[in-house]
Amino acid sequence: MNRLSRYATGLLVASVVTAGIAFFESPTGESLQLLLGIALVYGVGTSVALRYWPILRSKDGPKWVTGAFAGVMTFGCLSLLNGVAPSPNFGVAVLGYGLAGFGFVSGIAFEHGRDPSL
């Protein structure tokens, strides 16, 4: 996928996720900062994930790392959902999910770009 398509898809994903959270969550004092964080994380994360899509979808080798990541990410997001404010905050859980996914695809990008002689 070319760069423009990746960036356009990232922008679309960021817009849809951010608009969904803005629509369903009641506004608070931190809403703007939270929405900006969600937009940035999902936009950049989607663009990076699409760049390394063949590696992410590879069927070579065991998938225990992906399974462990998904389990820990789910537990962490549920903890954020219930533990940040007196009432559940879905926006914080969505941001946590995006940060975890962004960390995962960033790790793939760093490993792919690493100099093997080091």
PDB file of N, CA and C in Angstrom:
ATOM      1  N   MET A   1       0.848  -1.171   0.000  1.00  0.00           N
ATOM      2  CA  MET A   1       0.000   0.000   0.000  1.00  0.00           C
ATOM      3  C   MET A   1       0.894   1.235   0.000  1.00  0.00           C
ATOM      4  N   ASN A   2       0.587   2.172  -0.853  1.00  0.00           N
ATOM      5  CA  ASN A   2       1.430   3.363  -0.936  1.00  0.00           C
ATOM      6  C   ASN A   2       1.195   4.293   0.262  1.00  0.00           C
ATOM      7  N   ARG A   3       2.105   5.229   0.429  1.00  0.00           N
ATOM      8  CA  ARG A   3       2.109   6.106   1.598  1.00  0.00           C
ATOM      9  C   ARG A   3       0.822   6.925   1.717  1.00  0.00           C
ATOM     10  N   LEU A   4       0.360   7.493   0.620  1.00  0.00           N
ATOM     11  CA  LEU A   4      -0.850   8.317   0.663  1.00  0.00           C
ATOM     12  C   LEU A   4      -2.063   7.502   1.120  1.00  0.00           C
ATOM     13  N   SER A   5      -2.189   6.282   0.618  1.00  0.00           N
ATOM     14  CA  SER A   5      -3.308   5.418   1.024  1.00  0.00           C
ATOM     15  C   SER A   5      -3.225   5.060   2.501  1.00  0.00           C
ATOM     16  N   ARG A   6      -2.008   4.773   2.985  1.00  0.00           N
ATOM     17  CA  ARG A   6      -1.831   4.458   4.413  1.00  0.00           C
ATOM     18  C   ARG A   6      -2.239   5.640   5.275  1.00  0.00           C
ATOM     19  N   TYR A   7      -1.791   6.838   4.903  1.00  0.00           N
ATOM     20  CA  TYR A   7      -2.103   8.030   5.697  1.00  0.00           C
ATOM     21  C   TYR A   7      -3.593   8.354   5.639  1.00  0.00           C
ATOM     22  N   ALA A   8      -4.202   8.200   4.473  1.00  0.00           N
ATOM     23  CA  ALA A   8      -5.642   8.459   4.343  1.00  0.00           C
ATOM     24  C   ALA A   8      -6.447   7.467   5.183  1.00  0.00           C
ATOM     25  N   THR A   9      -6.045   6.203   5.163  1.00  0.00           N
ATOM     26  CA  THR A   9      -6.723   5.197   5.979  1.00  0.00           C
ATOM     27  C   THR A   9      -6.530   5.486   7.462  1.00  0.00           C
ATOM     28  N   GLY A  10      -5.321   5.878   7.845  1.00  0.00           N
ATOM     29  CA  GLY A  10      -5.063   6.245   9.240  1.00  0.00           C
ATOM     30  C   GLY A  10      -5.914   7.420   9.680  1.00  0.00           C
ATOM     31  N   LEU A  11      -6.053   8.409   8.815  1.00  0.00           N
ATOM     32  CA  LEU A  11      -6.884   9.572   9.124  1.00  0.00           C
ATOM     33  C   LEU A  11      -8.356   9.177   9.250  1.00  0.00           C
ATOM     34  N   LEU A  12      -8.803   8.287   8.378  1.00  0.00           N
ATOM     35  CA  LEU A  12     -10.186   7.819   8.439  1.00  0.00           C
ATOM     36  C   LEU A  12     -10.450   7.059   9.739  1.00  0.00           C
ATOM     37  N   VAL A  13      -9.558   6.135  10.087  1.00  0.00           N
ATOM     38  CA  VAL A  13      -9.721   5.368  11.328  1.00  0.00           C
ATOM     39  C   VAL A  13      -9.707   6.303  12.533  1.00  0.00           C
ATOM     40  N   ALA A  14      -8.754   7.230  12.560  1.00  0.00           N
ATOM     41  CA  ALA A  14      -8.665   8.178  13.677  1.00  0.00           C
ATOM     42  C   ALA A  14      -9.940   9.010  13.785  1.00  0.00           C
ATOM     43  N   SER A  15     -10.467   9.445  12.664  1.00  0.00           N
ATOM     44  CA  SER A  15     -11.682  10.266  12.672  1.00  0.00           C
ATOM     45  C   SER A  15     -12.889   9.484  13.176  1.00  0.00           C
ATOM     46  N   VAL A  16     -13.039   8.251  12.709  1.00  0.00           N
ATOM     47  CA  VAL A  16     -14.194   7.438  13.104  1.00  0.00           C
ATOM     48  C   VAL A  16     -14.134   7.098  14.594  1.00  0.00           C
ATOM     49  N   VAL A  17     -12.979   6.659  15.065  1.00  0.00           N
ATOM     50  CA  VAL A  17     -12.854   6.293  16.481  1.00  0.00           C
ATOM     51  C   VAL A  17     -13.050   7.517  17.369  1.00  0.00           C
ATOM     52  N   THR A  18     -12.410   8.623  17.023  1.00  0.00           N
ATOM     53  CA  THR A  18     -12.519   9.838  17.830  1.00  0.00           C
ATOM     54  C   THR A  18     -13.945  10.382  17.824  1.00  0.00           C
ATOM     55  N   ALA A  19     -14.581  10.395  16.672  1.00  0.00           N
ATOM     56  CA  ALA A  19     -15.964  10.878  16.590  1.00  0.00           C
ATOM     57  C   ALA A  19     -16.904   9.971  17.382  1.00  0.00           C
ATOM     58  N   GLY A  20     -16.658   8.674  17.332  1.00  0.00           N
ATOM     59  CA  GLY A  20     -17.487   7.745  18.100  1.00  0.00           C
ATOM     60  C   GLY A  20     -17.387   7.993  19.595  1.00  0.00           C
ATOM     61  N   ILE A  21     -16.175   8.194  20.081  1.00  0.00           N
ATOM     62  CA  ILE A  21     -15.987   8.478  21.505  1.00  0.00           C
ATOM     63  C   ILE A  21     -16.613   9.825  21.856  1.00  0.00           C
ATOM     64  N   ALA A  22     -16.421  10.828  21.018  1.00  0.00           N
ATOM     65  CA  ALA A  22     -16.990  12.152  21.287  1.00  0.00           C
ATOM     66  C   ALA A  22     -18.519  12.102  21.324  1.00  0.00           C
ATOM     67  N   PHE A  23     -19.105  11.249  20.502  1.00  0.00           N
ATOM     68  CA  PHE A  23     -20.559  11.148  20.443  1.00  0.00           C
ATOM     69  C   PHE A  23     -21.135  10.419  21.657  1.00  0.00           C
ATOM     70  N   PHE A  24     -20.484   9.319  22.071  1.00  0.00           N
ATOM     71  CA  PHE A  24     -21.056   8.470  23.111  1.00  0.00           C
ATOM     72  C   PHE A  24     -20.637   8.836  24.533  1.00  0.00           C
ATOM     73  N   GLU A  25     -19.537   9.528  24.704  1.00  0.00           N
ATOM     74  CA  GLU A  25     -19.071   9.896  26.047  1.00  0.00           C
ATOM     75  C   GLU A  25     -19.582  11.274  26.423  1.00  0.00           C
ATOM     76  N   SER A  26     -19.954  11.426  27.678  1.00  0.00           N
ATOM     77  CA  SER A  26     -20.369  12.755  28.138  1.00  0.00           C
ATOM     78  C   SER A  26     -19.130  13.623  28.338  1.00  0.00           C
ATOM     79  N   PRO A  27     -19.192  14.894  27.963  1.00  0.00           N
ATOM     80  CA  PRO A  27     -18.013  15.765  28.042  1.00  0.00           C
ATOM     81  C   PRO A  27     -17.582  16.022  29.493  1.00  0.00           C
ATOM     82  N   THR A  28     -16.267  16.044  29.676  1.00  0.00           N
ATOM     83  CA  THR A  28     -15.673  16.388  30.967  1.00  0.00           C
ATOM     84  C   THR A  28     -14.581  17.417  30.706  1.00  0.00           C
ATOM     85  N   GLY A  29     -13.900  17.818  31.756  1.00  0.00           N
ATOM     86  CA  GLY A  29     -12.820  18.785  31.605  1.00  0.00           C
ATOM     87  C   GLY A  29     -11.643  18.246  30.822  1.00  0.00           C
ATOM     88  N   GLU A  30     -11.475  16.925  30.831  1.00  0.00           N
ATOM     89  CA  GLU A  30     -10.345  16.303  30.138  1.00  0.00           C
ATOM     90  C   GLU A  30     -10.707  15.786  28.754  1.00  0.00           C
ATOM     91  N   SER A  31     -11.922  15.996  28.304  1.00  0.00           N
ATOM     92  CA  SER A  31     -12.385  15.403  27.045  1.00  0.00           C
ATOM     93  C   SER A  31     -11.543  15.805  25.844  1.00  0.00           C
ATOM     94  N   LEU A  32     -11.213  17.076  25.720  1.00  0.00           N
ATOM     95  CA  LEU A  32     -10.457  17.529  24.552  1.00  0.00           C
ATOM     96  C   LEU A  32      -9.087  16.868  24.494  1.00  0.00           C
ATOM     97  N   GLN A  33      -8.396  16.827  25.608  1.00  0.00           N
ATOM     98  CA  GLN A  33      -7.074  16.197  25.641  1.00  0.00           C
ATOM     99  C   GLN A  33      -7.176  14.709  25.335  1.00  0.00           C
ATOM    100  N   LEU A  34      -8.180  14.051  25.879  1.00  0.00           N
ATOM    101  CA  LEU A  34      -8.384  12.632  25.631  1.00  0.00           C
ATOM    102  C   LEU A  34      -8.697  12.370  24.160  1.00  0.00           C
ATOM    103  N   LEU A  35      -9.554  13.181  23.571  1.00  0.00           N
ATOM    104  CA  LEU A  35      -9.907  13.004  22.159  1.00  0.00           C
ATOM    105  C   LEU A  35      -8.720  13.264  21.241  1.00  0.00           C
ATOM    106  N   LEU A  36      -7.909  14.257  21.555  1.00  0.00           N
ATOM    107  CA  LEU A  36      -6.703  14.505  20.756  1.00  0.00           C
ATOM    108  C   LEU A  36      -5.737  13.328  20.846  1.00  0.00           C
ATOM    109  N   GLY A  37      -5.587  12.778  22.042  1.00  0.00           N
ATOM    110  CA  GLY A  37      -4.721  11.609  22.209  1.00  0.00           C
ATOM    111  C   GLY A  37      -5.222  10.417  21.419  1.00  0.00           C
ATOM    112  N   ILE A  38      -6.526  10.182  21.466  1.00  0.00           N
ATOM    113  CA  ILE A  38      -7.114   9.070  20.716  1.00  0.00           C
ATOM    114  C   ILE A  38      -6.885   9.263  19.218  1.00  0.00           C
ATOM    115  N   ALA A  39      -7.131  10.459  18.713  1.00  0.00           N
ATOM    116  CA  ALA A  39      -6.955  10.721  17.280  1.00  0.00           C
ATOM    117  C   ALA A  39      -5.511  10.492  16.854  1.00  0.00           C
ATOM    118  N   LEU A  40      -4.579  10.995  17.619  1.00  0.00           N
ATOM    119  CA  LEU A  40      -3.164  10.853  17.267  1.00  0.00           C
ATOM    120  C   LEU A  40      -2.718   9.399  17.300  1.00  0.00           C
ATOM    121  N   VAL A  41      -3.044   8.703  18.376  1.00  0.00           N
ATOM    122  CA  VAL A  41      -2.604   7.315  18.531  1.00  0.00           C
ATOM    123  C   VAL A  41      -3.204   6.424  17.447  1.00  0.00           C
ATOM    124  N   TYR A  42      -4.485   6.575  17.171  1.00  0.00           N
ATOM    125  CA  TYR A  42      -5.116   5.720  16.166  1.00  0.00           C
ATOM    126  C   TYR A  42      -4.687   6.080  14.746  1.00  0.00           C
ATOM    127  N   GLY A  43      -4.482   7.346  14.459  1.00  0.00           N
ATOM    128  CA  GLY A  43      -4.038   7.742  13.124  1.00  0.00           C
ATOM    129  C   GLY A  43      -2.645   7.239  12.804  1.00  0.00           C
ATOM    130  N   VAL A  44      -1.709   7.513  13.692  1.00  0.00           N
ATOM    131  CA  VAL A  44      -0.326   7.078  13.465  1.00  0.00           C
ATOM    132  C   VAL A  44      -0.220   5.561  13.573  1.00  0.00           C
ATOM    133  N   GLY A  45      -0.896   4.978  14.562  1.00  0.00           N
ATOM    134  CA  GLY A  45      -0.839   3.524  14.734  1.00  0.00           C
ATOM    135  C   GLY A  45      -1.359   2.765  13.529  1.00  0.00           C
ATOM    136  N   THR A  46      -2.455   3.231  12.959  1.00  0.00           N
ATOM    137  CA  THR A  46      -3.001   2.583  11.763  1.00  0.00           C
ATOM    138  C   THR A  46      -2.039   2.714  10.587  1.00  0.00           C
ATOM    139  N   SER A  47      -1.452   3.874  10.420  1.00  0.00           N
ATOM    140  CA  SER A  47      -0.505   4.080   9.316  1.00  0.00           C
ATOM    141  C   SER A  47       0.712   3.172   9.445  1.00  0.00           C
ATOM    142  N   VAL A  48       1.235   3.035  10.653  1.00  0.00           N
ATOM    143  CA  VAL A  48       2.397   2.159  10.870  1.00  0.00           C
ATOM    144  C   VAL A  48       1.996   0.700  10.679  1.00  0.00           C
ATOM    145  N   ALA A  49       0.829   0.319  11.192  1.00  0.00           N
ATOM    146  CA  ALA A  49       0.376  -1.068  11.044  1.00  0.00           C
ATOM    147  C   ALA A  49       0.200  -1.438   9.574  1.00  0.00           C
ATOM    148  N   LEU A  50      -0.342  -0.539   8.787  1.00  0.00           N
ATOM    149  CA  LEU A  50      -0.522  -0.833   7.363  1.00  0.00           C
ATOM    150  C   LEU A  50       0.809  -0.933   6.631  1.00  0.00           C
ATOM    151  N   ARG A  51       1.800  -0.217   7.090  1.00  0.00           N
ATOM    152  CA  ARG A  51       3.134  -0.291   6.473  1.00  0.00           C
ATOM    153  C   ARG A  51       3.731  -1.686   6.644  1.00  0.00           C
ATOM    154  N   TYR A  52       3.467  -2.306   7.803  1.00  0.00           N
ATOM    155  CA  TYR A  52       4.029  -3.625   8.109  1.00  0.00           C
ATOM    156  C   TYR A  52       2.948  -4.706   8.125  1.00  0.00           C
ATOM    157  N   TRP A  53       1.906  -4.522   7.358  1.00  0.00           N
ATOM    158  CA  TRP A  53       0.791  -5.460   7.333  1.00  0.00           C
ATOM    159  C   TRP A  53       1.203  -6.894   6.997  1.00  0.00           C
ATOM    160  N   PRO A  54       2.075  -7.136   6.015  1.00  0.00           N
ATOM    161  CA  PRO A  54       2.456  -8.528   5.733  1.00  0.00           C
ATOM    162  C   PRO A  54       3.123  -9.208   6.931  1.00  0.00           C
ATOM    163  N   ILE A  55       3.888  -8.467   7.705  1.00  0.00           N
ATOM    164  CA  ILE A  55       4.522  -9.052   8.889  1.00  0.00           C
ATOM    165  C   ILE A  55       3.472  -9.335   9.955  1.00  0.00           C
ATOM    166  N   LEU A  56       2.519  -8.422  10.129  1.00  0.00           N
ATOM    167  CA  LEU A  56       1.466  -8.620  11.126  1.00  0.00           C
ATOM    168  C   LEU A  56       0.583  -9.813  10.787  1.00  0.00           C
ATOM    169  N   ARG A  57       0.360 -10.073   9.522  1.00  0.00           N
ATOM    170  CA  ARG A  57      -0.530 -11.157   9.096  1.00  0.00           C
ATOM    171  C   ARG A  57       0.211 -12.438   8.740  1.00  0.00           C
ATOM    172  N   SER A  58       1.484 -12.498   9.002  1.00  0.00           N
ATOM    173  CA  SER A  58       2.281 -13.670   8.677  1.00  0.00           C
ATOM    174  C   SER A  58       1.785 -14.896   9.443  1.00  0.00           C
ATOM    175  N   LYS A  59       1.858 -16.045   8.823  1.00  0.00           N
ATOM    176  CA  LYS A  59       1.441 -17.287   9.461  1.00  0.00           C
ATOM    177  C   LYS A  59       2.638 -18.150   9.850  1.00  0.00           C
ATOM    178  N   ASP A  60       3.835 -17.587   9.783  1.00  0.00           N
ATOM    179  CA  ASP A  60       5.042 -18.335  10.129  1.00  0.00           C
ATOM    180  C   ASP A  60       5.220 -18.386  11.638  1.00  0.00           C
ATOM    181  N   GLY A  61       5.489 -19.565  12.160  1.00  0.00           N
ATOM    182  CA  GLY A  61       5.833 -19.705  13.569  1.00  0.00           C
ATOM    183  C   GLY A  61       4.639 -19.624  14.505  1.00  0.00           C
ATOM    184  N   PRO A  62       4.919 -19.872  15.796  1.00  0.00           N
ATOM    185  CA  PRO A  62       3.844 -19.846  16.792  1.00  0.00           C
ATOM    186  C   PRO A  62       3.353 -18.425  17.054  1.00  0.00           C
ATOM    187  N   LYS A  63       2.134 -18.328  17.467  1.00  0.00           N
ATOM    188  CA  LYS A  63       1.519 -17.021  17.710  1.00  0.00           C
ATOM    189  C   LYS A  63       1.303 -16.760  19.204  1.00  0.00           C
ATOM    190  N   TRP A  64       2.116 -17.364  20.066  1.00  0.00           N
ATOM    191  CA  TRP A  64       1.922 -17.176  21.502  1.00  0.00           C
ATOM    192  C   TRP A  64       2.198 -15.743  21.930  1.00  0.00           C
ATOM    193  N   VAL A  65       3.125 -15.057  21.247  1.00  0.00           N
ATOM    194  CA  VAL A  65       3.411 -13.667  21.607  1.00  0.00           C
ATOM    195  C   VAL A  65       2.189 -12.795  21.329  1.00  0.00           C
ATOM    196  N   THR A  66       1.565 -13.000  20.186  1.00  0.00           N
ATOM    197  CA  THR A  66       0.367 -12.237  19.852  1.00  0.00           C
ATOM    198  C   THR A  66      -0.758 -12.549  20.833  1.00  0.00           C
ATOM    199  N   GLY A  67      -0.903 -13.814  21.194  1.00  0.00           N
ATOM    200  CA  GLY A  67      -1.931 -14.193  22.164  1.00  0.00           C
ATOM    201  C   GLY A  67      -1.691 -13.583  23.531  1.00  0.00           C
ATOM    202  N   ALA A  68      -0.449 -13.614  23.986  1.00  0.00           N
ATOM    203  CA  ALA A  68      -0.117 -13.009  25.276  1.00  0.00           C
ATOM    204  C   ALA A  68      -0.360 -11.507  25.239  1.00  0.00           C
ATOM    205  N   PHE A  69       0.039 -10.873  24.147  1.00  0.00           N
ATOM    206  CA  PHE A  69      -0.180  -9.432  24.002  1.00  0.00           C
ATOM    207  C   PHE A  69      -1.665  -9.106  24.052  1.00  0.00           C
ATOM    208  N   ALA A  70      -2.475  -9.859  23.334  1.00  0.00           N
ATOM    209  CA  ALA A  70      -3.918  -9.594  23.304  1.00  0.00           C
ATOM    210  C   ALA A  70      -4.539  -9.777  24.686  1.00  0.00           C
ATOM    211  N   GLY A  71      -4.123 -10.799  25.412  1.00  0.00           N
ATOM    212  CA  GLY A  71      -4.664 -11.023  26.748  1.00  0.00           C
ATOM    213  C   GLY A  71      -4.299  -9.918  27.721  1.00  0.00           C
ATOM    214  N   VAL A  72      -3.040  -9.528  27.735  1.00  0.00           N
ATOM    215  CA  VAL A  72      -2.598  -8.463  28.636  1.00  0.00           C
ATOM    216  C   VAL A  72      -3.238  -7.133  28.243  1.00  0.00           C
ATOM    217  N   MET A  73      -3.341  -6.873  26.947  1.00  0.00           N
ATOM    218  CA  MET A  73      -3.954  -5.634  26.485  1.00  0.00           C
ATOM    219  C   MET A  73      -5.427  -5.576  26.905  1.00  0.00           C
ATOM    220  N   THR A  74      -6.137  -6.670  26.792  1.00  0.00           N
ATOM    221  CA  THR A  74      -7.538  -6.702  27.202  1.00  0.00           C
ATOM    222  C   THR A  74      -7.675  -6.436  28.696  1.00  0.00           C
ATOM    223  N   PHE A  75      -6.849  -7.095  29.494  1.00  0.00           N
ATOM    224  CA  PHE A  75      -6.892  -6.879  30.939  1.00  0.00           C
ATOM    225  C   PHE A  75      -6.573  -5.427  31.287  1.00  0.00           C
ATOM    226  N   GLY A  76      -5.556  -4.868  30.648  1.00  0.00           N
ATOM    227  CA  GLY A  76      -5.174  -3.481  30.908  1.00  0.00           C
ATOM    228  C   GLY A  76      -6.267  -2.498  30.531  1.00  0.00           C
ATOM    229  N   CYS A  77      -6.909  -2.724  29.401  1.00  0.00           N
ATOM    230  CA  CYS A  77      -7.976  -1.810  28.966  1.00  0.00           C
ATOM    231  C   CYS A  77      -9.199  -1.902  29.874  1.00  0.00           C
ATOM    232  N   LEU A  78      -9.535  -3.107  30.324  1.00  0.00           N
ATOM    233  CA  LEU A  78     -10.646  -3.232  31.267  1.00  0.00           C
ATOM    234  C   LEU A  78     -10.312  -2.564  32.594  1.00  0.00           C
ATOM    235  N   SER A  79      -9.060  -2.650  33.005  1.00  0.00           N
ATOM    236  CA  SER A  79      -8.635  -1.969  34.230  1.00  0.00           C
ATOM    237  C   SER A  79      -8.743  -0.459  34.069  1.00  0.00           C
ATOM    238  N   LEU A  80      -8.323   0.064  32.922  1.00  0.00           N
ATOM    239  CA  LEU A  80      -8.459   1.500  32.669  1.00  0.00           C
ATOM    240  C   LEU A  80      -9.927   1.920  32.619  1.00  0.00           C
ATOM    241  N   LEU A  81     -10.750   1.086  32.017  1.00  0.00           N
ATOM    242  CA  LEU A  81     -12.172   1.403  31.902  1.00  0.00           C
ATOM    243  C   LEU A  81     -12.804   1.604  33.275  1.00  0.00           C
ATOM    244  N   ASN A  82     -12.439   0.760  34.218  1.00  0.00           N
ATOM    245  CA  ASN A  82     -13.091   0.789  35.523  1.00  0.00           C
ATOM    246  C   ASN A  82     -12.308   1.501  36.609  1.00  0.00           C
ATOM    247  N   GLY A  83     -11.027   1.770  36.400  1.00  0.00           N
ATOM    248  CA  GLY A  83     -10.214   2.257  37.496  1.00  0.00           C
ATOM    249  C   GLY A  83      -9.784   3.700  37.440  1.00  0.00           C
ATOM    250  N   VAL A  84     -10.137   4.448  36.421  1.00  0.00           N
ATOM    251  CA  VAL A  84      -9.629   5.812  36.283  1.00  0.00           C
ATOM    252  C   VAL A  84     -10.529   6.829  36.974  1.00  0.00           C
ATOM    253  N   ALA A  85     -11.812   6.663  36.895  1.00  0.00           N
ATOM    254  CA  ALA A  85     -12.756   7.634  37.450  1.00  0.00           C
ATOM    255  C   ALA A  85     -13.803   6.884  38.277  1.00  0.00           C
ATOM    256  N   PRO A  86     -14.614   7.601  39.022  1.00  0.00           N
ATOM    257  CA  PRO A  86     -15.660   6.928  39.795  1.00  0.00           C
ATOM    258  C   PRO A  86     -16.638   6.140  38.921  1.00  0.00           C
ATOM    259  N   SER A  87     -16.854   6.590  37.705  1.00  0.00           N
ATOM    260  CA  SER A  87     -17.707   5.851  36.776  1.00  0.00           C
ATOM    261  C   SER A  87     -16.848   5.380  35.604  1.00  0.00           C
ATOM    262  N   PRO A  88     -17.265   4.298  34.924  1.00  0.00           N
ATOM    263  CA  PRO A  88     -16.463   3.809  33.799  1.00  0.00           C
ATOM    264  C   PRO A  88     -16.243   4.891  32.736  1.00  0.00           C
ATOM    265  N   ASN A  89     -15.034   4.949  32.222  1.00  0.00           N
ATOM    266  CA  ASN A  89     -14.674   5.945  31.213  1.00  0.00           C
ATOM    267  C   ASN A  89     -14.217   5.204  29.965  1.00  0.00           C
ATOM    268  N   PHE A  90     -15.120   5.063  29.016  1.00  0.00           N
ATOM    269  CA  PHE A  90     -14.835   4.308  27.798  1.00  0.00           C
ATOM    270  C   PHE A  90     -13.723   4.949  26.978  1.00  0.00           C
ATOM    271  N   GLY A  91     -13.651   6.268  26.953  1.00  0.00           N
ATOM    272  CA  GLY A  91     -12.608   6.964  26.197  1.00  0.00           C
ATOM    273  C   GLY A  91     -11.212   6.615  26.677  1.00  0.00           C
ATOM    274  N   VAL A  92     -11.036   6.488  27.983  1.00  0.00           N
ATOM    275  CA  VAL A  92      -9.725   6.122  28.526  1.00  0.00           C
ATOM    276  C   VAL A  92      -9.367   4.699  28.116  1.00  0.00           C
ATOM    277  N   ALA A  93     -10.337   3.785  28.142  1.00  0.00           N
ATOM    278  CA  ALA A  93     -10.073   2.412  27.717  1.00  0.00           C
ATOM    279  C   ALA A  93      -9.708   2.356  26.234  1.00  0.00           C
ATOM    280  N   VAL A  94     -10.382   3.144  25.414  1.00  0.00           N
ATOM    281  CA  VAL A  94     -10.076   3.180  23.979  1.00  0.00           C
ATOM    282  C   VAL A  94      -8.675   3.734  23.749  1.00  0.00           C
ATOM    283  N   LEU A  95      -8.301   4.770  24.496  1.00  0.00           N
ATOM    284  CA  LEU A  95      -6.945   5.307  24.378  1.00  0.00           C
ATOM    285  C   LEU A  95      -5.919   4.271  24.822  1.00  0.00           C
ATOM    286  N   GLY A  96      -6.192   3.553  25.899  1.00  0.00           N
ATOM    287  CA  GLY A  96      -5.280   2.498  26.351  1.00  0.00           C
ATOM    288  C   GLY A  96      -5.112   1.402  25.312  1.00  0.00           C
ATOM    289  N   TYR A  97      -6.207   0.999  24.680  1.00  0.00           N
ATOM    290  CA  TYR A  97      -6.153  -0.006  23.619  1.00  0.00           C
ATOM    291  C   TYR A  97      -5.307   0.494  22.452  1.00  0.00           C
ATOM    292  N   GLY A  98      -5.520   1.746  22.078  1.00  0.00           N
ATOM    293  CA  GLY A  98      -4.737   2.329  20.980  1.00  0.00           C
ATOM    294  C   GLY A  98      -3.265   2.418  21.316  1.00  0.00           C
ATOM    295  N   LEU A  99      -2.941   2.802  22.546  1.00  0.00           N
ATOM    296  CA  LEU A  99      -1.535   2.875  22.955  1.00  0.00           C
ATOM    297  C   LEU A  99      -0.880   1.501  22.935  1.00  0.00           C
ATOM    298  N   ALA A 100      -1.607   0.492  23.391  1.00  0.00           N
ATOM    299  CA  ALA A 100      -1.050  -0.859  23.371  1.00  0.00           C
ATOM    300  C   ALA A 100      -0.816  -1.331  21.937  1.00  0.00           C
ATOM    301  N   GLY A 101      -1.793  -1.111  21.076  1.00  0.00           N
ATOM    302  CA  GLY A 101      -1.625  -1.491  19.668  1.00  0.00           C
ATOM    303  C   GLY A 101      -0.503  -0.726  19.001  1.00  0.00           C
ATOM    304  N   PHE A 102      -0.398   0.566  19.305  1.00  0.00           N
ATOM    305  CA  PHE A 102       0.680   1.375  18.744  1.00  0.00           C
ATOM    306  C   PHE A 102       2.036   0.868  19.225  1.00  0.00           C
ATOM    307  N   GLY A 103       2.136   0.506  20.485  1.00  0.00           N
ATOM    308  CA  GLY A 103       3.387  -0.057  20.996  1.00  0.00           C
ATOM    309  C   GLY A 103       3.756  -1.345  20.279  1.00  0.00           C
ATOM    310  N   PHE A 104       2.762  -2.170  19.991  1.00  0.00           N
ATOM    311  CA  PHE A 104       3.006  -3.438  19.307  1.00  0.00           C
ATOM    312  C   PHE A 104       3.526  -3.210  17.891  1.00  0.00           C
ATOM    313  N   VAL A 105       2.848  -2.358  17.121  1.00  0.00           N
ATOM    314  CA  VAL A 105       3.293  -2.137  15.742  1.00  0.00           C
ATOM    315  C   VAL A 105       4.600  -1.346  15.704  1.00  0.00           C
ATOM    316  N   SER A 106       4.844  -0.499  16.692  1.00  0.00           N
ATOM    317  CA  SER A 106       6.130   0.209  16.757  1.00  0.00           C
ATOM    318  C   SER A 106       7.266  -0.768  17.010  1.00  0.00           C
ATOM    319  N   GLY A 107       7.024  -1.750  17.865  1.00  0.00           N
ATOM    320  CA  GLY A 107       8.033  -2.781  18.102  1.00  0.00           C
ATOM    321  C   GLY A 107       8.359  -3.549  16.834  1.00  0.00           C
ATOM    322  N   ILE A 108       7.352  -3.857  16.043  1.00  0.00           N
ATOM    323  CA  ILE A 108       7.583  -4.536  14.764  1.00  0.00           C
ATOM    324  C   ILE A 108       8.382  -3.638  13.832  1.00  0.00           C
ATOM    325  N   ALA A 109       8.037  -2.355  13.789  1.00  0.00           N
ATOM    326  CA  ALA A 109       8.760  -1.423  12.919  1.00  0.00           C
ATOM    327  C   ALA A 109      10.215  -1.286  13.354  1.00  0.00           C
ATOM    328  N   PHE A 110      10.462  -1.178  14.657  1.00  0.00           N
ATOM    329  CA  PHE A 110      11.835  -1.070  15.150  1.00  0.00           C
ATOM    330  C   PHE A 110      12.627  -2.332  14.838  1.00  0.00           C
ATOM    331  N   GLU A 111      12.022  -3.489  15.054  1.00  0.00           N
ATOM    332  CA  GLU A 111      12.715  -4.744  14.791  1.00  0.00           C
ATOM    333  C   GLU A 111      12.988  -4.910  13.302  1.00  0.00           C
ATOM    334  N   HIS A 112      12.048  -4.525  12.470  1.00  0.00           N
ATOM    335  CA  HIS A 112      12.223  -4.651  11.022  1.00  0.00           C
ATOM    336  C   HIS A 112      13.321  -3.728  10.515  1.00  0.00           C
ATOM    337  N   GLY A 113      13.437  -2.541  11.108  1.00  0.00           N
ATOM    338  CA  GLY A 113      14.436  -1.577  10.659  1.00  0.00           C
ATOM    339  C   GLY A 113      15.782  -1.698  11.347  1.00  0.00           C
ATOM    340  N   ARG A 114      15.920  -2.644  12.267  1.00  0.00           N
ATOM    341  CA  ARG A 114      17.155  -2.801  13.031  1.00  0.00           C
ATOM    342  C   ARG A 114      18.281  -3.325  12.147  1.00  0.00           C
ATOM    343  N   ASP A 115      19.472  -2.828  12.408  1.00  0.00           N
ATOM    344  CA  ASP A 115      20.658  -3.280  11.680  1.00  0.00           C
ATOM    345  C   ASP A 115      21.075  -4.638  12.240  1.00  0.00           C
ATOM    346  N   PRO A 116      21.085  -5.701  11.423  1.00  0.00           N
ATOM    347  CA  PRO A 116      21.412  -7.033  11.942  1.00  0.00           C
ATOM    348  C   PRO A 116      22.855  -7.164  12.430  1.00  0.00           C
ATOM    349  N   SER A 117      23.721  -6.237  12.073  1.00  0.00           N
ATOM    350  CA  SER A 117      25.115  -6.347  12.500  1.00  0.00           C
ATOM    351  C   SER A 117      25.313  -5.882  13.940  1.00  0.00           C
ATOM    352  N   LEU A 118      24.286  -5.266  14.560  1.00  0.00           N
ATOM    353  CA  LEU A 118      24.422  -4.773  15.937  1.00  0.00           C
ATOM    354  C   LEU A 118      24.238  -5.869  16.946  1.00  0.00           C
TER     355      LEU A 118
END
